[in-house]
Amino acid sequence: MKPLLVVLAMIALPANRAWPGAAAVPAQQSKANGRLFGTQDLGLLEAPDREQWQKPDQIMDAIGVAEGSKVAELGAAGGWFTLQLAERVGPNGRVYAEDIQRAMLEGISRRMQSENLTNVTTVLGTPSDPHLPPGLDAALISDAFHEMDVPEDPTLVVTLLRNVAASLKPQGRLGIVDWTPGSGGPGPEARQRVDPNRVIAAANAAGLQLITREDFPPFVFLLVFGRASAKPTP
């Protein structure tokens, strides 16, 4: 992987407080919850150990991202994981980097240009519709579901996931990575973390079925879903 000196990637962080053991990285805030993250903080450096605890290669393996795949990242923010996806799918693949903030997408475009990657398309979505194209091999929501799930309107994230499901191929996969419940380490404070069972319930309501769950101790978990009408891959 190319060395990254400046990061535009954002992971949830309450009140811009530094995480123990990792560099401070701000939260991507949702328009739906009224806490839109300010783009003036996009120059913060990424946590140098993120690749070690985020396990991007294992996540991409689990959702079937391969050379030539057509994939999407929702809530792509500054594009840290978008870059991982773009390098994995290669010049014959395509990555759709979706976010609800135009400024984030502009930053991703600049980042991909600096990395000489031409296989990324930015997509401006809404809190309920990511506006993704059909025929995706995989989609990913990394460290952002807990912000998309708005307690005041529980139907919002279900509608979002239903739209994602409609964009997947019959055997396509959706991976949702979020913070292990509890406190400590990088990530938001305990009260802002989402119960994996809540994620599963929302996905089920959207017509998705759980295929597998993987834990990447000590910080994150991965849930892999497929369309309910699709047969699990052997």
Protein backbone atom coordinates (compact mmCIF):
# COMPACT_ATOMS: atom_id res chain seq x y z
CA MET A 1 0.00 0.00 0.00
CA LYS A 2 1.20 3.52 -0.79
CA PRO A 3 2.18 5.55 2.30
CA LEU A 4 -0.52 8.01 3.31
CA LEU A 5 0.72 11.24 4.84
CA VAL A 6 -2.51 13.15 5.09
CA VAL A 7 -5.82 11.54 5.89
CA LEU A 8 -9.27 12.65 5.00
CA ALA A 9 -10.79 9.53 6.47
CA MET A 10 -13.06 10.04 9.44
CA ILE A 11 -14.10 7.66 12.16
CA ALA A 12 -16.59 8.50 14.87
CA LEU A 13 -15.24 10.60 17.72
CA PRO A 14 -17.43 12.42 20.22
CA ALA A 15 -16.74 16.10 20.76
CA ASN A 16 -13.37 15.85 18.95
CA ARG A 17 -11.88 14.06 21.96
CA ALA A 18 -8.71 12.07 21.30
CA TRP A 19 -8.91 8.29 21.43
CA PRO A 20 -6.59 6.44 23.77
CA GLY A 21 -3.89 4.72 21.73
CA ALA A 22 -4.80 6.37 18.43
CA ALA A 23 -4.62 9.76 16.76
CA ALA A 24 -7.69 11.95 17.07
CA VAL A 25 -9.93 11.61 14.02
CA PRO A 26 -13.27 13.40 13.83
CA ALA A 27 -16.70 11.91 13.26
CA GLN A 28 -18.55 12.06 10.00
CA GLN A 29 -21.84 13.54 11.14
CA SER A 30 -25.16 12.80 9.51
CA LYS A 31 -27.49 15.46 8.19
CA ALA A 32 -30.30 13.36 9.57
CA ASN A 33 -29.19 13.81 13.17
CA GLY A 34 -28.32 17.48 12.78
CA ARG A 35 -24.60 17.06 13.58
CA LEU A 36 -23.01 17.63 10.20
CA PHE A 37 -19.26 17.34 10.55
CA GLY A 38 -17.30 20.46 9.66
CA THR A 39 -15.00 20.05 6.68
CA GLN A 40 -12.45 22.45 8.20
CA ASP A 41 -11.04 19.51 10.21
CA LEU A 42 -10.30 17.27 7.24
CA GLY A 43 -6.55 17.81 7.51
CA LEU A 44 -6.17 15.69 10.64
CA LEU A 45 -3.68 12.87 10.40
CA GLU A 46 -4.95 9.31 10.37
CA ALA A 47 -4.24 6.94 13.22
CA PRO A 48 -0.98 5.22 12.21
CA ASP A 49 -2.20 1.86 13.51
CA ARG A 50 -5.63 1.87 11.83
CA GLU A 51 -4.74 -0.79 9.29
CA GLN A 52 -3.65 -3.11 12.09
CA TRP A 53 -6.93 -2.99 14.00
CA GLN A 54 -9.33 -2.25 11.13
CA LYS A 55 -8.21 -5.39 9.23
CA PRO A 56 -9.19 -4.09 5.73
CA ASP A 57 -7.91 -7.15 3.87
CA GLN A 58 -9.92 -9.54 6.04
CA ILE A 59 -13.03 -7.40 5.64
CA MET A 60 -12.67 -7.26 1.86
CA ASP A 61 -12.11 -11.03 1.73
CA ALA A 62 -15.25 -11.62 3.79
CA ILE A 63 -17.50 -9.64 1.43
CA GLY A 64 -15.91 -11.03 -1.72
CA VAL A 65 -14.06 -8.00 -3.06
CA ALA A 66 -11.69 -9.19 -5.77
CA GLU A 67 -9.83 -7.89 -8.80
CA GLY A 68 -12.41 -6.56 -11.24
CA SER A 69 -15.21 -6.25 -8.66
CA LYS A 70 -17.82 -3.51 -8.75
CA VAL A 71 -18.20 -2.26 -5.17
CA ALA A 72 -19.49 0.67 -3.14
CA GLU A 73 -18.63 2.30 0.16
CA LEU A 74 -21.39 4.18 1.94
CA GLY A 75 -20.42 7.05 4.20
CA ALA A 76 -17.01 7.08 2.56
CA ALA A 77 -16.03 10.35 4.29
CA GLY A 78 -12.40 11.09 3.39
CA GLY A 79 -11.82 7.82 1.55
CA TRP A 80 -9.49 5.75 3.76
CA PHE A 81 -11.37 2.54 3.01
CA THR A 82 -12.22 3.70 -0.50
CA LEU A 83 -8.49 3.63 -1.20
CA GLN A 84 -8.22 0.05 0.08
CA LEU A 85 -11.12 -0.99 -2.16
CA ALA A 86 -9.72 0.80 -5.21
CA GLU A 87 -6.37 -0.91 -4.88
CA ARG A 88 -8.04 -4.31 -4.39
CA VAL A 89 -10.38 -4.16 -7.42
CA GLY A 90 -7.68 -2.79 -9.72
CA PRO A 91 -8.05 -0.99 -13.05
CA ASN A 92 -10.71 -3.44 -14.27
CA GLY A 93 -12.92 -2.83 -11.25
CA ARG A 94 -14.96 0.13 -10.07
CA VAL A 95 -15.50 1.69 -6.63
CA TYR A 96 -18.44 3.96 -5.89
CA ALA A 97 -17.59 6.24 -2.96
CA GLU A 98 -20.87 7.52 -1.51
CA ASP A 99 -21.37 10.26 1.05
CA ILE A 100 -24.08 12.77 1.90
CA GLN A 101 -21.63 15.69 1.99
CA ARG A 102 -20.37 17.08 -1.29
CA ALA A 103 -17.20 18.43 0.35
CA MET A 104 -16.24 14.91 1.44
CA LEU A 105 -16.61 13.66 -2.13
CA GLU A 106 -14.48 16.49 -3.44
CA GLY A 107 -11.79 15.48 -0.97
CA ILE A 108 -11.98 11.85 -2.10
CA SER A 109 -11.61 12.93 -5.73
CA ARG A 110 -8.46 14.87 -4.88
CA ARG A 111 -7.10 11.98 -2.87
CA MET A 112 -7.63 9.46 -5.67
CA GLN A 113 -6.06 11.84 -8.14
CA SER A 114 -2.98 12.14 -5.93
CA GLU A 115 -2.81 8.32 -5.77
CA ASN A 116 -3.17 8.07 -9.57
CA LEU A 117 -6.30 5.95 -9.22
CA THR A 118 -8.96 6.33 -11.91
CA ASN A 119 -11.34 3.57 -10.85
CA VAL A 120 -13.31 5.54 -8.22
CA THR A 121 -16.60 7.32 -8.89
CA THR A 122 -18.01 9.62 -6.22
CA VAL A 123 -21.75 9.55 -5.53
CA LEU A 124 -23.76 12.14 -3.59
CA GLY A 125 -26.42 10.30 -1.61
CA THR A 126 -29.05 11.17 0.97
CA PRO A 127 -29.63 9.72 4.45
CA SER A 128 -32.21 7.31 2.99
CA ASP A 129 -30.94 6.71 -0.56
CA PRO A 130 -27.28 6.28 -1.54
CA HIS A 131 -28.13 6.52 -5.25
CA LEU A 132 -25.94 3.53 -6.09
CA PRO A 133 -25.97 1.83 -9.49
CA PRO A 134 -27.30 -1.73 -9.90
CA GLY A 135 -25.13 -4.79 -10.25
CA LEU A 136 -22.79 -4.35 -7.28
CA ASP A 137 -20.70 -7.32 -6.18
CA ALA A 138 -20.33 -5.85 -2.70
CA ALA A 139 -21.09 -2.82 -0.57
CA LEU A 140 -19.47 -1.66 2.65
CA ILE A 141 -20.48 0.54 5.57
CA SER A 142 -17.39 1.00 7.70
CA ASP A 143 -17.56 2.68 11.12
CA ALA A 144 -20.60 4.72 10.07
CA PHE A 145 -23.76 2.66 10.69
CA HIS A 146 -24.11 4.01 14.23
CA GLU A 147 -24.46 7.48 12.72
CA MET A 148 -26.87 6.43 9.96
CA ASP A 149 -29.21 4.78 12.47
CA VAL A 150 -31.18 7.77 13.76
CA PRO A 151 -33.27 6.91 16.86
CA GLU A 152 -35.82 9.62 16.03
CA ASP A 153 -36.63 7.88 12.73
CA PRO A 154 -35.84 4.14 12.81
CA THR A 155 -37.29 3.70 9.31
CA LEU A 156 -34.53 5.87 7.81
CA VAL A 157 -31.73 3.32 8.01
CA VAL A 158 -34.08 0.51 6.94
CA THR A 159 -34.93 2.44 3.79
CA LEU A 160 -31.24 3.08 3.21
CA LEU A 161 -30.41 -0.62 3.52
CA ARG A 162 -33.33 -1.57 1.30
CA ASN A 163 -31.90 0.67 -1.41
CA VAL A 164 -28.48 -0.91 -0.94
CA ALA A 165 -30.00 -4.38 -1.26
CA ALA A 166 -31.65 -3.37 -4.52
CA SER A 167 -28.24 -2.43 -5.94
CA LEU A 168 -26.59 -5.75 -5.09
CA LYS A 169 -26.28 -8.63 -7.51
CA PRO A 170 -28.28 -11.72 -6.43
CA GLN A 171 -25.18 -13.10 -4.72
CA GLY A 172 -23.80 -9.70 -3.73
CA ARG A 173 -22.71 -9.00 -0.18
CA LEU A 174 -23.10 -6.07 2.21
CA GLY A 175 -20.52 -5.72 4.97
CA ILE A 176 -21.26 -3.56 7.99
CA VAL A 177 -18.29 -2.81 10.24
CA ASP A 178 -18.82 -0.95 13.47
CA TRP A 179 -17.47 -0.51 16.96
CA THR A 180 -17.58 -3.30 19.50
CA PRO A 181 -20.01 -2.32 22.29
CA GLY A 182 -18.30 -1.04 25.40
CA SER A 183 -15.67 1.59 25.87
CA GLY A 184 -11.97 2.09 25.43
CA GLY A 185 -9.68 2.25 22.45
CA PRO A 186 -10.50 4.17 19.26
CA GLY A 187 -14.08 4.97 18.40
CA PRO A 188 -17.02 6.77 19.99
CA GLU A 189 -17.97 6.66 23.63
CA ALA A 190 -19.96 3.64 24.83
CA ARG A 191 -23.41 5.25 24.62
CA GLN A 192 -22.92 6.02 20.92
CA ARG A 193 -22.04 2.47 19.91
CA VAL A 194 -24.60 0.24 18.26
CA ASP A 195 -25.65 -3.23 19.38
CA PRO A 196 -24.92 -5.72 16.56
CA ASN A 197 -28.41 -7.17 17.09
CA ARG A 198 -29.88 -3.78 16.21
CA VAL A 199 -27.91 -3.79 12.97
CA ILE A 200 -29.17 -7.29 12.17
CA ALA A 201 -32.78 -6.31 12.90
CA ALA A 202 -32.58 -3.29 10.59
CA ALA A 203 -31.00 -5.38 7.83
CA ASN A 204 -33.66 -8.07 8.18
CA ALA A 205 -36.38 -5.43 7.87
CA ALA A 206 -34.69 -4.27 4.67
CA GLY A 207 -34.77 -7.74 3.11
CA LEU A 208 -31.24 -8.78 3.98
CA GLN A 209 -30.17 -11.91 5.83
CA LEU A 210 -27.13 -12.39 8.01
CA ILE A 211 -24.56 -14.71 6.46
CA THR A 212 -21.72 -14.43 8.92
CA ARG A 213 -20.37 -12.41 11.81
CA GLU A 214 -16.70 -11.87 12.52
CA ASP A 215 -15.15 -10.08 15.48
CA PHE A 216 -11.87 -8.26 15.11
CA PRO A 217 -10.85 -7.74 18.75
CA PRO A 218 -10.61 -5.49 20.47
CA PHE A 219 -12.25 -2.68 18.53
CA VAL A 220 -14.63 -3.67 15.71
CA PHE A 221 -17.04 -6.31 14.46
CA LEU A 222 -18.14 -7.25 10.93
CA LEU A 223 -21.60 -8.41 9.86
CA VAL A 224 -21.97 -9.80 6.34
CA PHE A 225 -25.41 -9.80 4.71
CA GLY A 226 -26.90 -11.06 1.47
CA ARG A 227 -30.26 -10.53 -0.17
CA ALA A 228 -32.87 -12.71 1.53
CA SER A 229 -33.83 -14.25 -1.80
CA ALA A 230 -30.26 -15.35 -2.50
CA LYS A 231 -28.85 -18.70 -1.47
CA PRO A 232 -25.77 -18.51 0.77
CA THR A 233 -22.47 -19.07 -1.01
CA PRO A 234 -21.06 -22.55 -0.17
